[in-house]
Amino acid sequence: MSSNPSQPKANLSIDTAAIRIAAQNLDDGAVTSGYRGNREEIIAMLNGALATELLCVMRYKRHYFTVTGRENLAVKAEFLQHAQEEADHADQIAERIVQLNGEPDFNPATLTERSHAEYDDSKDVQSMIRADLISERVAIESYRQMIEKIGDSDPTTRQMLVSIMAVEEEHADDMRDFLSLS
């Protein structure tokens, strides 16, 4: 494809001076002067997401250990897999908070009030599945709102949240499928 000489060329150059400024303030770690996100706000959102993921780990673990019956082996395995994936999400979020020079909040005393989802201590498998589906939907909406709020100001955090939300959507589909089997 040939270019039209009468069309102006797109400016594809980058700001070398700004890039070199990034070498300063080494104590800021991954946060360079070009960072456009509101760090404090994003860290606060991520700590809410961290609390949600930690609570989801505990809920799925409780469901895994308390569901009984040979007929529930598949859902029991799904509970365990989801608990492990939620723990991975919590780790990713905590790591990102640290990259943004924040402190991940693992305080168990305030976990439930900071979480977007709720804990569940249902006794029967259908109630467990329903509670997990509700929590997955809450997480999906929470991540959607965070992604929208962050916009293009923090592409790394946005990408992480999009990836986590995709897994939460898979979890919601799994729980919906188990709910429809009853």
N, C-alpha and C. Protein backbone atom coordinates (compact mmCIF):
# COMPACT_ATOMS: atom_id res chain seq x y z
N MET A 1 0.84 -1.17 0.00
CA MET A 1 0.00 0.00 0.00
C MET A 1 0.90 1.24 0.00
N SER A 2 0.69 2.12 -0.93
CA SER A 2 1.52 3.32 -1.01
C SER A 2 0.90 4.45 -0.23
N SER A 3 1.72 5.31 0.30
CA SER A 3 1.21 6.44 1.06
C SER A 3 1.03 7.62 0.13
N ASN A 4 0.08 8.44 0.45
CA ASN A 4 -0.21 9.63 -0.33
C ASN A 4 0.68 10.76 0.16
N PRO A 5 1.56 11.30 -0.68
CA PRO A 5 2.48 12.34 -0.22
C PRO A 5 1.78 13.61 0.22
N SER A 6 0.54 13.84 -0.21
CA SER A 6 -0.17 15.06 0.19
C SER A 6 -0.76 14.95 1.59
N GLN A 7 -0.84 13.73 2.15
CA GLN A 7 -1.37 13.56 3.50
C GLN A 7 -0.24 13.77 4.50
N PRO A 8 -0.52 14.51 5.60
CA PRO A 8 0.52 14.69 6.60
C PRO A 8 0.83 13.37 7.30
N LYS A 9 2.10 13.20 7.62
CA LYS A 9 2.50 11.99 8.33
C LYS A 9 2.09 12.10 9.79
N ALA A 10 1.65 10.99 10.34
CA ALA A 10 1.29 10.96 11.75
C ALA A 10 2.55 11.13 12.59
N ASN A 11 2.43 11.86 13.67
CA ASN A 11 3.57 12.07 14.55
C ASN A 11 3.72 10.84 15.44
N LEU A 12 4.67 10.02 15.09
CA LEU A 12 4.90 8.77 15.83
C LEU A 12 6.06 8.88 16.79
N SER A 13 6.61 10.06 16.94
CA SER A 13 7.74 10.21 17.84
C SER A 13 7.26 10.19 19.29
N ILE A 14 8.15 9.81 20.16
CA ILE A 14 7.84 9.78 21.58
C ILE A 14 8.67 10.84 22.28
N ASP A 15 8.25 11.20 23.46
CA ASP A 15 8.89 12.27 24.23
C ASP A 15 10.07 11.69 25.01
N THR A 16 11.25 11.75 24.42
CA THR A 16 12.44 11.19 25.03
C THR A 16 12.77 11.85 26.36
N ALA A 17 12.56 13.16 26.45
CA ALA A 17 12.84 13.86 27.71
C ALA A 17 11.95 13.33 28.83
N ALA A 18 10.69 13.12 28.53
CA ALA A 18 9.76 12.58 29.55
C ALA A 18 10.16 11.17 29.95
N ILE A 19 10.63 10.42 28.99
CA ILE A 19 11.06 9.04 29.28
C ILE A 19 12.27 9.07 30.22
N ARG A 20 13.18 9.99 29.97
CA ARG A 20 14.37 10.06 30.81
C ARG A 20 14.05 10.56 32.22
N ILE A 21 13.02 11.37 32.34
CA ILE A 21 12.58 11.82 33.66
C ILE A 21 12.10 10.62 34.49
N ALA A 22 11.60 9.60 33.80
CA ALA A 22 11.12 8.40 34.50
C ALA A 22 12.24 7.73 35.30
N ALA A 23 13.48 8.01 34.95
CA ALA A 23 14.61 7.41 35.67
C ALA A 23 14.82 8.06 37.03
N GLN A 24 14.14 9.17 37.28
CA GLN A 24 14.27 9.86 38.56
C GLN A 24 13.29 9.28 39.58
N ASN A 25 13.38 9.70 40.80
CA ASN A 25 12.47 9.28 41.88
C ASN A 25 12.38 7.76 41.98
N LEU A 26 13.50 7.13 42.15
CA LEU A 26 13.55 5.67 42.19
C LEU A 26 12.71 5.08 43.31
N ASP A 27 12.48 5.84 44.37
CA ASP A 27 11.67 5.34 45.48
C ASP A 27 10.22 5.09 45.07
N ASP A 28 9.78 5.66 43.95
CA ASP A 28 8.41 5.48 43.48
C ASP A 28 8.21 4.16 42.74
N GLY A 29 9.27 3.39 42.58
CA GLY A 29 9.16 2.08 41.95
C GLY A 29 8.55 2.15 40.57
N ALA A 30 7.43 1.46 40.38
CA ALA A 30 6.79 1.37 39.08
C ALA A 30 6.00 2.62 38.69
N VAL A 31 5.77 3.52 39.62
CA VAL A 31 4.96 4.71 39.36
C VAL A 31 5.88 5.82 38.84
N THR A 32 5.80 6.10 37.55
CA THR A 32 6.62 7.14 36.95
C THR A 32 5.85 8.46 36.89
N SER A 33 6.54 9.51 36.49
CA SER A 33 5.91 10.83 36.41
C SER A 33 4.81 10.86 35.35
N GLY A 34 4.82 9.94 34.42
CA GLY A 34 3.78 9.88 33.39
C GLY A 34 2.50 9.19 33.83
N TYR A 35 2.51 8.62 35.02
CA TYR A 35 1.32 7.93 35.53
C TYR A 35 0.18 8.93 35.66
N ARG A 36 -0.98 8.61 35.14
CA ARG A 36 -2.11 9.54 35.11
C ARG A 36 -3.26 9.16 36.04
N GLY A 37 -3.18 8.03 36.69
CA GLY A 37 -4.26 7.62 37.58
C GLY A 37 -4.23 8.35 38.91
N ASN A 38 -5.37 8.38 39.57
CA ASN A 38 -5.44 8.90 40.94
C ASN A 38 -5.06 7.73 41.85
N ARG A 39 -3.78 7.67 42.21
CA ARG A 39 -3.27 6.51 42.96
C ARG A 39 -4.07 6.22 44.21
N GLU A 40 -4.34 7.24 45.02
CA GLU A 40 -5.05 7.01 46.29
C GLU A 40 -6.43 6.42 46.04
N GLU A 41 -7.13 6.93 45.04
CA GLU A 41 -8.46 6.43 44.72
C GLU A 41 -8.40 5.00 44.18
N ILE A 42 -7.43 4.75 43.32
CA ILE A 42 -7.29 3.41 42.74
C ILE A 42 -6.88 2.41 43.81
N ILE A 43 -5.98 2.79 44.69
CA ILE A 43 -5.58 1.90 45.79
C ILE A 43 -6.78 1.60 46.68
N ALA A 44 -7.60 2.60 46.97
CA ALA A 44 -8.80 2.37 47.79
C ALA A 44 -9.76 1.40 47.09
N MET A 45 -9.96 1.58 45.78
CA MET A 45 -10.82 0.65 45.03
C MET A 45 -10.24 -0.76 45.05
N LEU A 46 -8.93 -0.84 44.86
CA LEU A 46 -8.29 -2.16 44.85
C LEU A 46 -8.35 -2.82 46.22
N ASN A 47 -8.27 -2.06 47.29
CA ASN A 47 -8.41 -2.66 48.63
C ASN A 47 -9.83 -3.17 48.85
N GLY A 48 -10.83 -2.50 48.29
CA GLY A 48 -12.19 -3.04 48.33
C GLY A 48 -12.30 -4.34 47.56
N ALA A 49 -11.66 -4.38 46.39
CA ALA A 49 -11.65 -5.60 45.59
C ALA A 49 -10.89 -6.71 46.31
N LEU A 50 -9.80 -6.35 46.97
CA LEU A 50 -9.03 -7.34 47.74
C LEU A 50 -9.89 -7.95 48.84
N ALA A 51 -10.60 -7.11 49.57
CA ALA A 51 -11.49 -7.61 50.63
C ALA A 51 -12.55 -8.54 50.04
N THR A 52 -13.08 -8.18 48.89
CA THR A 52 -14.10 -9.00 48.23
C THR A 52 -13.53 -10.36 47.85
N GLU A 53 -12.35 -10.36 47.26
CA GLU A 53 -11.74 -11.63 46.85
C GLU A 53 -11.41 -12.51 48.06
N LEU A 54 -10.90 -11.91 49.12
CA LEU A 54 -10.59 -12.69 50.32
C LEU A 54 -11.84 -13.30 50.93
N LEU A 55 -12.92 -12.54 50.96
CA LEU A 55 -14.18 -13.06 51.49
C LEU A 55 -14.70 -14.18 50.59
N CYS A 56 -14.54 -14.02 49.29
CA CYS A 56 -14.97 -15.07 48.36
C CYS A 56 -14.17 -16.35 48.54
N VAL A 57 -12.87 -16.22 48.82
CA VAL A 57 -12.06 -17.40 49.10
C VAL A 57 -12.64 -18.13 50.30
N MET A 58 -12.93 -17.39 51.35
CA MET A 58 -13.46 -18.03 52.58
C MET A 58 -14.83 -18.66 52.33
N ARG A 59 -15.69 -17.99 51.57
CA ARG A 59 -17.02 -18.53 51.29
C ARG A 59 -16.91 -19.82 50.47
N TYR A 60 -16.11 -19.77 49.40
CA TYR A 60 -15.95 -20.98 48.58
C TYR A 60 -15.29 -22.11 49.36
N LYS A 61 -14.32 -21.79 50.20
CA LYS A 61 -13.68 -22.83 51.02
C LYS A 61 -14.69 -23.45 51.98
N ARG A 62 -15.51 -22.62 52.61
CA ARG A 62 -16.52 -23.16 53.52
C ARG A 62 -17.48 -24.07 52.76
N HIS A 63 -17.90 -23.63 51.60
CA HIS A 63 -18.81 -24.46 50.80
C HIS A 63 -18.12 -25.76 50.39
N TYR A 64 -16.87 -25.69 50.01
CA TYR A 64 -16.13 -26.88 49.62
C TYR A 64 -16.07 -27.88 50.77
N PHE A 65 -15.74 -27.41 51.96
CA PHE A 65 -15.57 -28.33 53.09
C PHE A 65 -16.88 -28.81 53.69
N THR A 66 -17.97 -28.09 53.48
CA THR A 66 -19.22 -28.48 54.14
C THR A 66 -20.23 -29.15 53.23
N VAL A 67 -20.09 -29.04 51.91
CA VAL A 67 -21.03 -29.73 51.03
C VAL A 67 -20.79 -31.24 51.14
N THR A 68 -21.86 -31.98 51.18
CA THR A 68 -21.75 -33.43 51.34
C THR A 68 -22.52 -34.14 50.24
N GLY A 69 -22.28 -35.42 50.14
CA GLY A 69 -23.03 -36.26 49.21
C GLY A 69 -22.26 -36.55 47.94
N ARG A 70 -22.31 -37.80 47.56
CA ARG A 70 -21.64 -38.24 46.34
C ARG A 70 -22.16 -37.50 45.11
N GLU A 71 -23.45 -37.17 45.13
CA GLU A 71 -24.06 -36.46 44.00
C GLU A 71 -23.53 -35.02 43.86
N ASN A 72 -22.82 -34.54 44.87
CA ASN A 72 -22.30 -33.16 44.85
C ASN A 72 -20.79 -33.08 44.62
N LEU A 73 -20.18 -34.18 44.17
CA LEU A 73 -18.73 -34.17 43.97
C LEU A 73 -18.29 -33.15 42.92
N ALA A 74 -19.05 -32.99 41.86
CA ALA A 74 -18.68 -32.03 40.81
C ALA A 74 -18.74 -30.60 41.32
N VAL A 75 -19.81 -30.28 42.04
CA VAL A 75 -19.92 -28.91 42.56
C VAL A 75 -18.88 -28.67 43.65
N LYS A 76 -18.58 -29.69 44.43
CA LYS A 76 -17.54 -29.58 45.46
C LYS A 76 -16.20 -29.24 44.81
N ALA A 77 -15.85 -29.93 43.73
CA ALA A 77 -14.61 -29.66 43.01
C ALA A 77 -14.61 -28.24 42.44
N GLU A 78 -15.76 -27.80 41.96
CA GLU A 78 -15.87 -26.44 41.41
C GLU A 78 -15.67 -25.39 42.50
N PHE A 79 -16.22 -25.65 43.69
CA PHE A 79 -16.02 -24.74 44.81
C PHE A 79 -14.53 -24.58 45.12
N LEU A 80 -13.80 -25.68 45.13
CA LEU A 80 -12.37 -25.64 45.42
C LEU A 80 -11.61 -24.88 44.34
N GLN A 81 -11.92 -25.16 43.08
CA GLN A 81 -11.25 -24.47 41.98
C GLN A 81 -11.51 -22.96 42.06
N HIS A 82 -12.74 -22.59 42.33
CA HIS A 82 -13.07 -21.17 42.43
C HIS A 82 -12.35 -20.52 43.61
N ALA A 83 -12.25 -21.21 44.73
CA ALA A 83 -11.53 -20.68 45.89
C ALA A 83 -10.08 -20.40 45.52
N GLN A 84 -9.46 -21.31 44.79
CA GLN A 84 -8.07 -21.14 44.38
C GLN A 84 -7.92 -19.98 43.41
N GLU A 85 -8.86 -19.83 42.50
CA GLU A 85 -8.78 -18.73 41.54
C GLU A 85 -9.04 -17.39 42.22
N GLU A 86 -9.95 -17.36 43.19
CA GLU A 86 -10.20 -16.12 43.94
C GLU A 86 -8.95 -15.73 44.74
N ALA A 87 -8.25 -16.72 45.29
CA ALA A 87 -7.00 -16.45 46.03
C ALA A 87 -5.95 -15.87 45.08
N ASP A 88 -5.90 -16.37 43.87
CA ASP A 88 -4.97 -15.83 42.87
C ASP A 88 -5.33 -14.38 42.55
N HIS A 89 -6.63 -14.09 42.43
CA HIS A 89 -7.05 -12.71 42.19
C HIS A 89 -6.61 -11.80 43.34
N ALA A 90 -6.80 -12.26 44.55
CA ALA A 90 -6.39 -11.47 45.72
C ALA A 90 -4.90 -11.19 45.67
N ASP A 91 -4.11 -12.18 45.29
CA ASP A 91 -2.66 -11.99 45.19
C ASP A 91 -2.31 -10.96 44.12
N GLN A 92 -2.97 -11.04 42.97
CA GLN A 92 -2.71 -10.08 41.89
C GLN A 92 -3.05 -8.66 42.34
N ILE A 93 -4.18 -8.51 43.01
CA ILE A 93 -4.61 -7.20 43.47
C ILE A 93 -3.65 -6.65 44.52
N ALA A 94 -3.27 -7.48 45.48
CA ALA A 94 -2.33 -7.03 46.52
C ALA A 94 -1.01 -6.61 45.89
N GLU A 95 -0.53 -7.37 44.92
CA GLU A 95 0.72 -7.03 44.25
C GLU A 95 0.59 -5.69 43.52
N ARG A 96 -0.54 -5.45 42.88
CA ARG A 96 -0.73 -4.18 42.17
C ARG A 96 -0.79 -3.01 43.15
N ILE A 97 -1.43 -3.20 44.29
CA ILE A 97 -1.48 -2.15 45.31
C ILE A 97 -0.06 -1.76 45.72
N VAL A 98 0.79 -2.76 45.93
CA VAL A 98 2.18 -2.50 46.32
C VAL A 98 2.92 -1.78 45.18
N GLN A 99 2.68 -2.19 43.93
CA GLN A 99 3.31 -1.51 42.79
C GLN A 99 2.93 -0.04 42.73
N LEU A 100 1.72 0.27 43.20
CA LEU A 100 1.25 1.66 43.22
C LEU A 100 1.68 2.39 44.49
N ASN A 101 2.59 1.77 45.24
CA ASN A 101 3.12 2.34 46.48
C ASN A 101 2.06 2.44 47.57
N GLY A 102 1.12 1.51 47.55
CA GLY A 102 0.11 1.45 48.59
C GLY A 102 0.34 0.25 49.49
N GLU A 103 -0.57 0.09 50.44
CA GLU A 103 -0.50 -1.05 51.36
C GLU A 103 -1.78 -1.87 51.24
N PRO A 104 -1.64 -3.13 50.89
CA PRO A 104 -2.83 -3.99 50.82
C PRO A 104 -3.40 -4.19 52.22
N ASP A 105 -4.71 -4.08 52.34
CA ASP A 105 -5.39 -4.18 53.63
C ASP A 105 -5.93 -5.59 53.84
N PHE A 106 -5.23 -6.36 54.64
CA PHE A 106 -5.62 -7.73 54.96
C PHE A 106 -6.26 -7.82 56.35
N ASN A 107 -6.65 -6.71 56.93
CA ASN A 107 -7.18 -6.69 58.29
C ASN A 107 -8.48 -7.49 58.37
N PRO A 108 -8.48 -8.63 59.09
CA PRO A 108 -9.69 -9.45 59.18
C PRO A 108 -10.81 -8.77 59.96
N ALA A 109 -10.48 -7.83 60.83
CA ALA A 109 -11.50 -7.17 61.65
C ALA A 109 -12.44 -6.32 60.79
N THR A 110 -11.97 -5.83 59.65
CA THR A 110 -12.81 -4.97 58.81
C THR A 110 -13.11 -5.58 57.44
N LEU A 111 -12.75 -6.82 57.26
CA LEU A 111 -12.89 -7.47 55.96
C LEU A 111 -14.32 -7.45 55.44
N THR A 112 -15.27 -7.88 56.24
CA THR A 112 -16.64 -7.98 55.74
C THR A 112 -17.26 -6.63 55.43
N GLU A 113 -16.90 -5.59 56.17
CA GLU A 113 -17.47 -4.27 55.87
C GLU A 113 -16.84 -3.64 54.64
N ARG A 114 -15.62 -4.03 54.29
CA ARG A 114 -14.96 -3.50 53.10
C ARG A 114 -15.29 -4.28 51.84
N SER A 115 -15.77 -5.51 52.01
CA SER A 115 -16.06 -6.37 50.87
C SER A 115 -17.35 -5.94 50.17
N HIS A 116 -17.36 -6.09 48.86
CA HIS A 116 -18.58 -5.81 48.09
C HIS A 116 -19.56 -6.98 48.19
N ALA A 117 -19.04 -8.17 48.38
CA ALA A 117 -19.85 -9.38 48.48
C ALA A 117 -20.09 -9.72 49.95
N GLU A 118 -20.96 -10.66 50.17
CA GLU A 118 -21.28 -11.07 51.54
C GLU A 118 -20.82 -12.51 51.78
N TYR A 119 -20.58 -12.81 53.04
CA TYR A 119 -20.23 -14.16 53.44
C TYR A 119 -21.50 -15.00 53.46
N ASP A 120 -21.38 -16.29 53.32
CA ASP A 120 -22.56 -17.17 53.32
C ASP A 120 -22.23 -18.43 54.10
N ASP A 121 -23.16 -18.83 54.97
CA ASP A 121 -22.98 -20.08 55.70
C ASP A 121 -24.16 -21.02 55.50
N SER A 122 -24.63 -21.07 54.25
CA SER A 122 -25.74 -21.97 53.90
C SER A 122 -25.39 -23.41 54.23
N LYS A 123 -26.42 -24.18 54.46
CA LYS A 123 -26.24 -25.60 54.78
C LYS A 123 -26.50 -26.51 53.59
N ASP A 124 -27.37 -26.11 52.67
CA ASP A 124 -27.70 -26.98 51.53
C ASP A 124 -27.00 -26.47 50.27
N VAL A 125 -26.70 -27.40 49.38
CA VAL A 125 -25.89 -27.10 48.21
C VAL A 125 -26.53 -26.06 47.30
N GLN A 126 -27.84 -26.11 47.11
CA GLN A 126 -28.48 -25.14 46.22
C GLN A 126 -28.37 -23.72 46.75
N SER A 127 -28.49 -23.57 48.06
CA SER A 127 -28.33 -22.24 48.66
C SER A 127 -26.89 -21.76 48.53
N MET A 128 -25.94 -22.69 48.65
CA MET A 128 -24.52 -22.34 48.47
C MET A 128 -24.28 -21.85 47.05
N ILE A 129 -24.77 -22.59 46.08
CA ILE A 129 -24.58 -22.23 44.68
C ILE A 129 -25.22 -20.87 44.40
N ARG A 130 -26.41 -20.67 44.91
CA ARG A 130 -27.11 -19.40 44.70
C ARG A 130 -26.31 -18.24 45.31
N ALA A 131 -25.81 -18.42 46.53
CA ALA A 131 -25.02 -17.38 47.19
C ALA A 131 -23.75 -17.08 46.39
N ASP A 132 -23.12 -18.13 45.84
CA ASP A 132 -21.91 -17.93 45.05
C ASP A 132 -22.22 -17.22 43.73
N LEU A 133 -23.34 -17.55 43.11
CA LEU A 133 -23.74 -16.86 41.89
C LEU A 133 -23.99 -15.38 42.16
N ILE A 134 -24.68 -15.09 43.24
CA ILE A 134 -24.94 -13.69 43.62
C ILE A 134 -23.62 -12.95 43.82
N SER A 135 -22.70 -13.56 44.54
CA SER A 135 -21.41 -12.92 44.81
C SER A 135 -20.59 -12.72 43.54
N GLU A 136 -20.66 -13.66 42.63
CA GLU A 136 -19.94 -13.50 41.36
C GLU A 136 -20.52 -12.33 40.58
N ARG A 137 -21.83 -12.20 40.58
CA ARG A 137 -22.47 -11.09 39.87
C ARG A 137 -22.10 -9.74 40.52
N VAL A 138 -22.01 -9.74 41.84
CA VAL A 138 -21.59 -8.53 42.56
C VAL A 138 -20.15 -8.18 42.16
N ALA A 139 -19.28 -9.17 42.11
CA ALA A 139 -17.88 -8.94 41.74
C ALA A 139 -17.79 -8.42 40.30
N ILE A 140 -18.54 -9.01 39.40
CA ILE A 140 -18.52 -8.58 38.00
C ILE A 140 -18.91 -7.11 37.89
N GLU A 141 -19.99 -6.74 38.55
CA GLU A 141 -20.43 -5.34 38.50
C GLU A 141 -19.41 -4.42 39.17
N SER A 142 -18.82 -4.85 40.26
CA SER A 142 -17.79 -4.04 40.93
C SER A 142 -16.61 -3.80 39.99
N TYR A 143 -16.13 -4.86 39.35
CA TYR A 143 -15.01 -4.71 38.43
C TYR A 143 -15.39 -3.86 37.23
N ARG A 144 -16.59 -4.02 36.71
CA ARG A 144 -17.03 -3.21 35.58
C ARG A 144 -16.98 -1.73 35.94
N GLN A 145 -17.48 -1.40 37.13
CA GLN A 145 -17.47 0.01 37.55
C GLN A 145 -16.05 0.52 37.77
N MET A 146 -15.18 -0.29 38.34
CA MET A 146 -13.79 0.12 38.54
C MET A 146 -13.09 0.37 37.20
N ILE A 147 -13.30 -0.54 36.27
CA ILE A 147 -12.69 -0.43 34.94
C ILE A 147 -13.16 0.86 34.27
N GLU A 148 -14.45 1.14 34.37
CA GLU A 148 -15.01 2.35 33.78
C GLU A 148 -14.41 3.60 34.43
N LYS A 149 -14.30 3.58 35.75
CA LYS A 149 -13.77 4.74 36.49
C LYS A 149 -12.29 4.97 36.16
N ILE A 150 -11.52 3.92 36.07
CA ILE A 150 -10.09 4.05 35.78
C ILE A 150 -9.86 4.52 34.34
N GLY A 151 -10.70 4.05 33.43
CA GLY A 151 -10.55 4.45 32.03
C GLY A 151 -9.16 4.15 31.52
N ASP A 152 -8.56 5.14 30.87
CA ASP A 152 -7.21 4.97 30.31
C ASP A 152 -6.12 5.52 31.23
N SER A 153 -6.50 5.96 32.43
CA SER A 153 -5.52 6.60 33.32
C SER A 153 -4.49 5.63 33.90
N ASP A 154 -4.84 4.34 33.96
CA ASP A 154 -3.94 3.34 34.53
C ASP A 154 -4.14 2.04 33.75
N PRO A 155 -3.48 1.92 32.59
CA PRO A 155 -3.71 0.75 31.74
C PRO A 155 -3.34 -0.58 32.39
N THR A 156 -2.34 -0.60 33.25
CA THR A 156 -1.92 -1.85 33.89
C THR A 156 -3.00 -2.36 34.84
N THR A 157 -3.53 -1.47 35.68
CA THR A 157 -4.59 -1.87 36.60
C THR A 157 -5.84 -2.25 35.81
N ARG A 158 -6.16 -1.47 34.80
CA ARG A 158 -7.34 -1.76 33.97
C ARG A 158 -7.23 -3.16 33.36
N GLN A 159 -6.07 -3.47 32.79
CA GLN A 159 -5.88 -4.78 32.16
C GLN A 159 -6.02 -5.91 33.18
N MET A 160 -5.46 -5.71 34.37
CA MET A 160 -5.57 -6.72 35.41
C MET A 160 -7.04 -6.94 35.78
N LEU A 161 -7.79 -5.85 35.95
CA LEU A 161 -9.20 -5.95 36.34
C LEU A 161 -10.03 -6.61 35.25
N VAL A 162 -9.74 -6.30 33.99
CA VAL A 162 -10.47 -6.93 32.87
C VAL A 162 -10.23 -8.44 32.90
N SER A 163 -8.98 -8.83 33.13
CA SER A 163 -8.63 -10.25 33.18
C SER A 163 -9.35 -10.95 34.35
N ILE A 164 -9.34 -10.33 35.51
CA ILE A 164 -10.02 -10.91 36.67
C ILE A 164 -11.52 -10.99 36.41
N MET A 165 -12.10 -9.94 35.84
CA MET A 165 -13.54 -9.94 35.58
C MET A 165 -13.93 -11.07 34.63
N ALA A 166 -13.09 -11.38 33.66
CA ALA A 166 -13.39 -12.48 32.73
C ALA A 166 -13.50 -13.80 33.48
N VAL A 167 -12.64 -14.03 34.46
CA VAL A 167 -12.71 -15.25 35.26
C VAL A 167 -13.97 -15.25 36.12
N GLU A 168 -14.32 -14.09 36.68
CA GLU A 168 -15.54 -14.00 37.49
C GLU A 168 -16.77 -14.31 36.63
N GLU A 169 -16.74 -13.89 35.38
CA GLU A 169 -17.85 -14.21 34.47
C GLU A 169 -17.95 -15.71 34.24
N GLU A 170 -16.79 -16.37 34.11
CA GLU A 170 -16.79 -17.83 33.98
C GLU A 170 -17.36 -18.48 35.23
N HIS A 171 -16.97 -17.96 36.41
CA HIS A 171 -17.50 -18.50 37.66
C HIS A 171 -19.02 -18.35 37.72
N ALA A 172 -19.52 -17.20 37.30
CA ALA A 172 -20.97 -16.97 37.32
C ALA A 172 -21.67 -17.97 36.40
N ASP A 173 -21.11 -18.20 35.22
CA ASP A 173 -21.69 -19.19 34.31
C ASP A 173 -21.69 -20.58 34.93
N ASP A 174 -20.58 -20.94 35.59
CA ASP A 174 -20.49 -22.25 36.25
C ASP A 174 -21.59 -22.40 37.30
N MET A 175 -21.75 -21.38 38.13
CA MET A 175 -22.74 -21.45 39.21
C MET A 175 -24.17 -21.47 38.63
N ARG A 176 -24.40 -20.69 37.58
CA ARG A 176 -25.71 -20.70 36.94
C ARG A 176 -26.02 -22.09 36.39
N ASP A 177 -25.02 -22.72 35.77
CA ASP A 177 -25.22 -24.07 35.23
C ASP A 177 -25.55 -25.07 36.33
N PHE A 178 -24.84 -24.98 37.46
CA PHE A 178 -25.13 -25.89 38.58
C PHE A 178 -26.50 -25.60 39.16
N LEU A 179 -26.89 -24.35 39.21
CA LEU A 179 -28.20 -23.99 39.74
C LEU A 179 -29.32 -24.53 38.85
N SER A 180 -29.08 -24.54 37.54
CA SER A 180 -30.12 -25.01 36.62
C SER A 180 -30.23 -26.53 36.60
N LEU A 181 -29.25 -27.24 37.17
CA LEU A 181 -29.30 -28.71 37.21
C LEU A 181 -30.28 -29.21 38.27
N SER A 182 -30.67 -28.33 39.17
CA SER A 182 -31.54 -28.80 40.26
C SER A 182 -33.00 -28.83 39.86
